[in-house]
């Protein structure tokens, strides 16, 4: 993470072009920050 490869820039805009591994990393960091486990839907 730390980079925005999305074509849509700005707050409240959808994010596209996100890798599977970046998504997993985001879920892991969010889970650690909040204390609730987050996973990608299957």
Protein backbone atom coordinates (compact mmCIF):
# COMPACT_ATOMS: atom_id res chain seq x y z
CA UNK A 1 0.00 0.00 0.00
CA UNK A 2 1.15 3.58 0.10
CA UNK A 3 0.43 4.19 -3.55
CA UNK A 4 -2.77 4.90 -5.44
CA UNK A 5 -2.90 3.29 -8.87
CA UNK A 6 -6.59 4.05 -9.26
CA UNK A 7 -7.87 6.12 -12.15
CA UNK A 8 -10.36 7.74 -9.76
CA UNK A 9 -8.64 10.18 -7.41
CA UNK A 10 -10.11 11.80 -4.34
CA UNK A 11 -12.09 10.95 -1.27
CA UNK A 12 -15.34 8.96 -1.70
CA UNK A 13 -14.23 7.64 -5.10
CA UNK A 14 -14.08 3.95 -6.03
CA UNK A 15 -10.70 2.24 -6.10
CA UNK A 16 -9.69 0.10 -9.04
CA UNK A 17 -6.51 -1.68 -10.14
CA UNK A 18 -5.82 -3.12 -6.67
CA UNK A 19 -3.81 -6.32 -6.51
CA UNK A 20 -5.01 -9.32 -4.55
CA UNK A 21 -1.97 -9.09 -2.27
CA UNK A 22 -2.49 -5.38 -1.56
CA UNK A 23 -6.09 -6.22 -0.62
CA UNK A 24 -4.91 -8.93 1.78
CA UNK A 25 -2.38 -6.54 3.32
CA UNK A 26 -5.10 -3.92 3.81
CA UNK A 27 -7.38 -6.44 5.54
CA UNK A 28 -4.54 -7.51 7.82
CA UNK A 29 -3.61 -3.94 8.81
CA UNK A 30 -7.26 -2.99 9.34
CA UNK A 31 -7.80 -6.08 11.50
CA UNK A 32 -4.79 -5.19 13.66
CA UNK A 33 -5.88 -1.56 14.02
CA UNK A 34 -9.51 -2.29 14.93
CA UNK A 35 -9.17 -5.61 16.73
CA UNK A 36 -11.75 -7.34 14.53
CA UNK A 37 -10.77 -9.83 11.83
CA UNK A 38 -11.50 -8.70 8.28
CA UNK A 39 -11.27 -11.01 5.25
CA UNK A 40 -11.92 -10.77 1.55
CA UNK A 41 -15.24 -12.26 0.43
CA UNK A 42 -15.03 -15.54 -1.40
